[in-house]
Amino acid sequence: MRHLILCLFASFMLLAGCSGHPVRHLASDASLIKPGESTRQDVVRFLGEPDGRRTVSADVEEYIYYQDKDGLLRKLPLVGSWADPQGYEMILVTLEGDMVKGCEFRVFNESDRDWLNDFTWEEVK
């Protein structure tokens, strides 16, 4: 009986590690958007609803898509949800009317701001 419970527990733990979730690949998604050719409907079809929107002027709007970059600890089952992300990726789509005017893919790492700790600051008078 004890052997059966141990086998069931091991099987449950192995199957729990196989659970999946949908993954977005922002770098490849950004390549689907062509400035001057793609429309607002194309952007929503390829990338989905934006994570953020910003109105720049009466005719210009920006859609923002972002995703956390997972480090090694974030990929572990059970403890991964407590680990901080290593950075994030972002797509910034600029729309003028219904036409895409620009599409930028950006990557931000946690270490990008390390220079703040190393820089010798001088007081400005």
N, C-alpha and C. Protein backbone atom coordinates (compact mmCIF):
# COMPACT_ATOMS: atom_id res chain seq x y z
N MET A 1 0.82 -1.19 0.00
CA MET A 1 0.00 0.00 0.00
C MET A 1 0.87 1.26 0.00
N ARG A 2 1.92 1.22 0.80
CA ARG A 2 2.81 2.37 0.87
C ARG A 2 3.51 2.61 -0.47
N HIS A 3 3.86 1.53 -1.15
CA HIS A 3 4.50 1.63 -2.46
C HIS A 3 3.55 2.27 -3.48
N LEU A 4 2.27 1.91 -3.41
CA LEU A 4 1.27 2.46 -4.32
C LEU A 4 1.10 3.97 -4.09
N ILE A 5 1.03 4.38 -2.83
CA ILE A 5 0.89 5.81 -2.51
C ILE A 5 2.11 6.58 -2.99
N LEU A 6 3.29 6.02 -2.79
CA LEU A 6 4.52 6.67 -3.24
C LEU A 6 4.54 6.81 -4.77
N CYS A 7 4.12 5.78 -5.48
CA CYS A 7 4.06 5.84 -6.96
C CYS A 7 3.03 6.87 -7.43
N LEU A 8 1.87 6.92 -6.78
CA LEU A 8 0.86 7.90 -7.15
C LEU A 8 1.35 9.32 -6.89
N PHE A 9 2.02 9.53 -5.77
CA PHE A 9 2.55 10.86 -5.45
C PHE A 9 3.62 11.27 -6.47
N ALA A 10 4.52 10.35 -6.82
CA ALA A 10 5.56 10.65 -7.80
C ALA A 10 4.94 10.94 -9.17
N SER A 11 3.92 10.17 -9.54
CA SER A 11 3.25 10.41 -10.83
C SER A 11 2.57 11.77 -10.84
N PHE A 12 1.93 12.12 -9.75
CA PHE A 12 1.27 13.43 -9.65
C PHE A 12 2.28 14.56 -9.78
N MET A 13 3.41 14.45 -9.11
CA MET A 13 4.43 15.50 -9.17
C MET A 13 5.01 15.62 -10.59
N LEU A 14 5.23 14.51 -11.26
CA LEU A 14 5.75 14.55 -12.62
C LEU A 14 4.74 15.17 -13.58
N LEU A 15 3.49 14.82 -13.44
CA LEU A 15 2.46 15.39 -14.31
C LEU A 15 2.22 16.86 -14.02
N ALA A 16 2.37 17.28 -12.78
CA ALA A 16 2.20 18.69 -12.44
C ALA A 16 3.27 19.54 -13.12
N GLY A 17 4.45 18.99 -13.31
CA GLY A 17 5.52 19.71 -14.00
C GLY A 17 5.27 19.84 -15.49
N CYS A 18 4.36 19.06 -16.04
CA CYS A 18 4.07 19.11 -17.47
C CYS A 18 2.98 20.12 -17.81
N SER A 19 2.38 20.73 -16.80
CA SER A 19 1.33 21.69 -17.11
C SER A 19 1.93 22.87 -17.85
N GLY A 20 1.21 23.37 -18.81
CA GLY A 20 1.75 24.45 -19.64
C GLY A 20 0.86 25.67 -19.62
N HIS A 21 1.36 26.73 -20.19
CA HIS A 21 0.60 27.96 -20.35
C HIS A 21 1.01 28.58 -21.67
N PRO A 22 0.13 29.36 -22.27
CA PRO A 22 0.47 29.96 -23.56
C PRO A 22 1.67 30.89 -23.44
N VAL A 23 2.50 30.89 -24.46
CA VAL A 23 3.72 31.69 -24.45
C VAL A 23 3.67 32.66 -25.62
N ARG A 24 4.00 33.92 -25.33
CA ARG A 24 4.13 34.93 -26.39
C ARG A 24 5.61 35.10 -26.67
N HIS A 25 5.95 35.19 -27.93
CA HIS A 25 7.32 35.49 -28.34
C HIS A 25 7.29 36.86 -29.00
N LEU A 26 7.55 37.89 -28.20
CA LEU A 26 7.39 39.25 -28.70
C LEU A 26 8.33 39.58 -29.85
N ALA A 27 9.55 39.04 -29.83
CA ALA A 27 10.50 39.36 -30.90
C ALA A 27 9.97 38.89 -32.25
N SER A 28 9.45 37.67 -32.31
CA SER A 28 8.93 37.18 -33.59
C SER A 28 7.59 37.84 -33.93
N ASP A 29 6.80 38.17 -32.90
CA ASP A 29 5.53 38.86 -33.15
C ASP A 29 5.77 40.24 -33.75
N ALA A 30 6.82 40.92 -33.29
CA ALA A 30 7.11 42.27 -33.81
C ALA A 30 7.46 42.23 -35.29
N SER A 31 8.04 41.13 -35.75
CA SER A 31 8.42 41.05 -37.16
C SER A 31 7.21 40.92 -38.08
N LEU A 32 6.05 40.61 -37.53
CA LEU A 32 4.83 40.51 -38.34
C LEU A 32 4.25 41.88 -38.68
N ILE A 33 4.63 42.90 -37.93
CA ILE A 33 4.09 44.24 -38.11
C ILE A 33 5.00 45.02 -39.05
N LYS A 34 4.46 45.53 -40.14
CA LYS A 34 5.22 46.29 -41.14
C LYS A 34 4.75 47.74 -41.17
N PRO A 35 5.59 48.68 -40.72
CA PRO A 35 5.20 50.10 -40.77
C PRO A 35 4.88 50.53 -42.20
N GLY A 36 3.79 51.27 -42.35
CA GLY A 36 3.37 51.72 -43.67
C GLY A 36 2.49 50.73 -44.40
N GLU A 37 2.46 49.47 -43.97
CA GLU A 37 1.63 48.45 -44.61
C GLU A 37 0.56 47.90 -43.67
N SER A 38 0.93 47.63 -42.42
CA SER A 38 0.00 47.02 -41.46
C SER A 38 -1.01 48.04 -40.95
N THR A 39 -2.19 47.55 -40.62
CA THR A 39 -3.25 48.41 -40.08
C THR A 39 -3.47 48.09 -38.60
N ARG A 40 -4.31 48.89 -37.97
CA ARG A 40 -4.66 48.67 -36.56
C ARG A 40 -5.26 47.27 -36.37
N GLN A 41 -6.09 46.84 -37.33
CA GLN A 41 -6.70 45.51 -37.24
C GLN A 41 -5.65 44.41 -37.34
N ASP A 42 -4.61 44.61 -38.17
CA ASP A 42 -3.52 43.64 -38.26
C ASP A 42 -2.79 43.51 -36.92
N VAL A 43 -2.55 44.64 -36.28
CA VAL A 43 -1.83 44.64 -35.00
C VAL A 43 -2.61 43.85 -33.96
N VAL A 44 -3.91 44.11 -33.86
CA VAL A 44 -4.74 43.40 -32.88
C VAL A 44 -4.85 41.92 -33.24
N ARG A 45 -4.91 41.60 -34.52
CA ARG A 45 -5.00 40.20 -34.94
C ARG A 45 -3.71 39.45 -34.61
N PHE A 46 -2.54 40.05 -34.87
CA PHE A 46 -1.26 39.37 -34.64
C PHE A 46 -0.83 39.38 -33.18
N LEU A 47 -1.04 40.50 -32.48
CA LEU A 47 -0.51 40.66 -31.13
C LEU A 47 -1.57 40.59 -30.04
N GLY A 48 -2.85 40.68 -30.41
CA GLY A 48 -3.91 40.70 -29.41
C GLY A 48 -4.14 42.11 -28.90
N GLU A 49 -4.97 42.22 -27.88
CA GLU A 49 -5.24 43.53 -27.28
C GLU A 49 -3.97 44.01 -26.58
N PRO A 50 -3.66 45.29 -26.67
CA PRO A 50 -2.42 45.79 -26.06
C PRO A 50 -2.48 45.77 -24.54
N ASP A 51 -1.29 45.68 -23.92
CA ASP A 51 -1.18 45.74 -22.47
C ASP A 51 -1.33 47.18 -21.98
N GLY A 52 -1.07 48.14 -22.86
CA GLY A 52 -1.22 49.55 -22.52
C GLY A 52 -1.44 50.37 -23.78
N ARG A 53 -2.11 51.51 -23.62
CA ARG A 53 -2.37 52.43 -24.74
C ARG A 53 -2.03 53.84 -24.29
N ARG A 54 -1.57 54.64 -25.25
CA ARG A 54 -1.28 56.04 -24.94
C ARG A 54 -1.64 56.88 -26.15
N THR A 55 -2.38 57.95 -25.92
CA THR A 55 -2.73 58.88 -26.98
C THR A 55 -1.67 59.98 -27.00
N VAL A 56 -0.94 60.08 -28.11
CA VAL A 56 0.14 61.06 -28.25
C VAL A 56 -0.42 62.38 -28.75
N SER A 57 -1.27 62.33 -29.76
CA SER A 57 -1.94 63.52 -30.29
C SER A 57 -3.31 63.08 -30.80
N ALA A 58 -4.02 63.99 -31.43
CA ALA A 58 -5.38 63.68 -31.88
C ALA A 58 -5.41 62.49 -32.85
N ASP A 59 -4.38 62.32 -33.66
CA ASP A 59 -4.38 61.28 -34.69
C ASP A 59 -3.35 60.18 -34.43
N VAL A 60 -2.52 60.34 -33.39
CA VAL A 60 -1.43 59.38 -33.13
C VAL A 60 -1.67 58.68 -31.79
N GLU A 61 -1.57 57.34 -31.84
CA GLU A 61 -1.78 56.52 -30.65
C GLU A 61 -0.66 55.48 -30.57
N GLU A 62 -0.28 55.09 -29.36
CA GLU A 62 0.75 54.07 -29.17
C GLU A 62 0.15 52.88 -28.43
N TYR A 63 0.44 51.68 -28.94
CA TYR A 63 0.07 50.44 -28.27
C TYR A 63 1.35 49.87 -27.67
N ILE A 64 1.24 49.38 -26.44
CA ILE A 64 2.40 48.80 -25.76
C ILE A 64 2.08 47.35 -25.40
N TYR A 65 2.99 46.47 -25.76
CA TYR A 65 2.92 45.05 -25.40
C TYR A 65 4.18 44.73 -24.62
N TYR A 66 4.05 44.07 -23.46
CA TYR A 66 5.25 43.72 -22.71
C TYR A 66 5.11 42.35 -22.08
N GLN A 67 6.26 41.79 -21.75
CA GLN A 67 6.32 40.46 -21.17
C GLN A 67 7.56 40.36 -20.30
N ASP A 68 7.42 39.80 -19.10
CA ASP A 68 8.56 39.60 -18.22
C ASP A 68 9.50 38.54 -18.79
N LYS A 69 10.81 38.76 -18.61
CA LYS A 69 11.81 37.75 -18.99
C LYS A 69 12.08 36.90 -17.76
N ASP A 70 11.81 35.62 -17.87
CA ASP A 70 11.97 34.72 -16.74
C ASP A 70 13.41 34.26 -16.62
N GLY A 71 13.91 34.28 -15.40
CA GLY A 71 15.23 33.74 -15.11
C GLY A 71 15.11 32.26 -14.80
N LEU A 72 16.19 31.66 -14.37
CA LEU A 72 16.22 30.23 -14.08
C LEU A 72 15.25 29.87 -12.96
N LEU A 73 15.22 30.66 -11.90
CA LEU A 73 14.35 30.35 -10.76
C LEU A 73 12.87 30.47 -11.11
N ARG A 74 12.51 31.37 -12.02
CA ARG A 74 11.10 31.57 -12.39
C ARG A 74 10.55 30.37 -13.15
N LYS A 75 11.41 29.53 -13.69
CA LYS A 75 10.95 28.37 -14.46
C LYS A 75 10.72 27.14 -13.59
N LEU A 76 11.11 27.21 -12.31
CA LEU A 76 10.93 26.08 -11.41
C LEU A 76 9.48 25.99 -10.94
N PRO A 77 8.93 24.77 -10.88
CA PRO A 77 7.57 24.64 -10.36
C PRO A 77 7.54 24.96 -8.86
N LEU A 78 6.44 25.44 -8.39
CA LEU A 78 6.15 25.78 -7.00
C LEU A 78 6.86 27.04 -6.53
N VAL A 79 8.18 27.13 -6.65
CA VAL A 79 8.92 28.29 -6.13
C VAL A 79 9.09 29.38 -7.17
N GLY A 80 8.83 29.10 -8.43
CA GLY A 80 9.05 30.07 -9.50
C GLY A 80 8.22 31.32 -9.39
N SER A 81 7.03 31.21 -8.82
CA SER A 81 6.17 32.39 -8.71
C SER A 81 6.69 33.39 -7.69
N TRP A 82 7.60 32.99 -6.82
CA TRP A 82 8.16 33.91 -5.82
C TRP A 82 9.41 34.62 -6.31
N ALA A 83 9.99 34.17 -7.40
CA ALA A 83 11.23 34.77 -7.91
C ALA A 83 10.90 36.00 -8.76
N ASP A 84 11.78 36.97 -8.72
CA ASP A 84 11.61 38.19 -9.52
C ASP A 84 12.05 37.95 -10.95
N PRO A 85 11.43 38.63 -11.93
CA PRO A 85 11.88 38.49 -13.32
C PRO A 85 13.24 39.14 -13.52
N GLN A 86 13.97 38.69 -14.57
CA GLN A 86 15.29 39.25 -14.88
C GLN A 86 15.18 40.55 -15.64
N GLY A 87 14.06 40.86 -16.18
CA GLY A 87 13.84 42.06 -16.99
C GLY A 87 12.55 41.88 -17.75
N TYR A 88 12.41 42.63 -18.84
CA TYR A 88 11.21 42.47 -19.65
C TYR A 88 11.48 42.87 -21.09
N GLU A 89 10.59 42.40 -21.96
CA GLU A 89 10.62 42.74 -23.38
C GLU A 89 9.39 43.58 -23.68
N MET A 90 9.52 44.46 -24.66
CA MET A 90 8.42 45.36 -24.96
C MET A 90 8.35 45.64 -26.45
N ILE A 91 7.14 45.73 -26.98
CA ILE A 91 6.90 46.20 -28.34
C ILE A 91 6.12 47.51 -28.23
N LEU A 92 6.59 48.52 -28.92
CA LEU A 92 5.91 49.81 -28.97
C LEU A 92 5.46 50.03 -30.41
N VAL A 93 4.14 50.02 -30.63
CA VAL A 93 3.56 50.20 -31.96
C VAL A 93 2.95 51.59 -32.02
N THR A 94 3.40 52.42 -32.98
CA THR A 94 2.86 53.76 -33.16
C THR A 94 1.89 53.74 -34.32
N LEU A 95 0.67 54.19 -34.05
CA LEU A 95 -0.39 54.21 -35.06
C LEU A 95 -0.75 55.65 -35.38
N GLU A 96 -0.84 55.94 -36.67
CA GLU A 96 -1.32 57.24 -37.12
C GLU A 96 -2.60 56.98 -37.90
N GLY A 97 -3.73 57.34 -37.31
CA GLY A 97 -5.01 56.94 -37.88
C GLY A 97 -5.16 55.44 -37.69
N ASP A 98 -5.42 54.72 -38.76
CA ASP A 98 -5.50 53.26 -38.69
C ASP A 98 -4.27 52.58 -39.27
N MET A 99 -3.24 53.33 -39.62
CA MET A 99 -2.03 52.78 -40.24
C MET A 99 -0.88 52.76 -39.22
N VAL A 100 -0.08 51.69 -39.26
CA VAL A 100 1.09 51.59 -38.39
C VAL A 100 2.19 52.50 -38.92
N LYS A 101 2.65 53.41 -38.08
CA LYS A 101 3.71 54.35 -38.45
C LYS A 101 5.08 53.84 -38.00
N GLY A 102 5.12 53.09 -36.90
CA GLY A 102 6.39 52.57 -36.39
C GLY A 102 6.16 51.38 -35.47
N CYS A 103 7.17 50.51 -35.39
CA CYS A 103 7.11 49.34 -34.52
C CYS A 103 8.51 49.10 -33.97
N GLU A 104 8.66 49.18 -32.66
CA GLU A 104 9.97 49.00 -32.02
C GLU A 104 9.91 47.86 -31.02
N PHE A 105 10.93 47.01 -31.05
CA PHE A 105 11.08 45.94 -30.06
C PHE A 105 12.22 46.32 -29.14
N ARG A 106 11.99 46.26 -27.84
CA ARG A 106 13.01 46.65 -26.87
C ARG A 106 13.16 45.57 -25.81
N VAL A 107 14.39 45.42 -25.31
CA VAL A 107 14.69 44.48 -24.24
C VAL A 107 15.32 45.25 -23.10
N PHE A 108 14.80 45.05 -21.90
CA PHE A 108 15.33 45.69 -20.70
C PHE A 108 15.76 44.61 -19.72
N ASN A 109 17.00 44.71 -19.23
CA ASN A 109 17.52 43.76 -18.26
C ASN A 109 17.59 44.40 -16.88
N GLU A 110 17.57 43.57 -15.87
CA GLU A 110 17.67 44.04 -14.49
C GLU A 110 18.98 44.78 -14.27
N SER A 111 20.03 44.38 -14.97
CA SER A 111 21.36 44.97 -14.77
C SER A 111 21.57 46.27 -15.56
N ASP A 112 20.59 46.72 -16.32
CA ASP A 112 20.75 47.93 -17.12
C ASP A 112 21.04 49.17 -16.28
N ARG A 113 20.58 49.18 -15.05
CA ARG A 113 20.76 50.37 -14.21
C ARG A 113 21.87 50.20 -13.17
N ASP A 114 22.71 49.17 -13.33
CA ASP A 114 23.81 48.96 -12.38
C ASP A 114 24.81 50.11 -12.37
N TRP A 115 24.91 50.85 -13.46
CA TRP A 115 25.86 51.96 -13.53
C TRP A 115 25.54 53.03 -12.49
N LEU A 116 24.29 53.10 -12.03
CA LEU A 116 23.93 54.09 -11.01
C LEU A 116 24.71 53.89 -9.71
N ASN A 117 25.02 52.64 -9.40
CA ASN A 117 25.75 52.33 -8.17
C ASN A 117 27.25 52.58 -8.31
N ASP A 118 27.79 52.50 -9.52
CA ASP A 118 29.22 52.66 -9.75
C ASP A 118 29.63 54.09 -10.07
N PHE A 119 28.71 54.89 -10.50
CA PHE A 119 29.02 56.24 -10.95
C PHE A 119 29.32 57.14 -9.76
N THR A 120 30.36 57.98 -9.89
CA THR A 120 30.66 58.94 -8.83
C THR A 120 29.91 60.23 -9.14
N TRP A 121 28.97 60.52 -8.30
CA TRP A 121 28.09 61.66 -8.52
C TRP A 121 28.71 62.93 -7.96
N GLU A 122 28.60 64.00 -8.73
CA GLU A 122 29.07 65.31 -8.29
C GLU A 122 27.86 66.21 -8.12
N GLU A 123 27.87 66.94 -7.03
CA GLU A 123 26.75 67.83 -6.77
C GLU A 123 26.82 69.04 -7.70
N VAL A 124 25.72 69.37 -8.34
CA VAL A 124 25.65 70.51 -9.24
C VAL A 124 25.14 71.71 -8.44
N LYS A 125 25.89 72.82 -8.54
CA LYS A 125 25.50 74.03 -7.78
C LYS A 125 24.95 75.08 -8.70
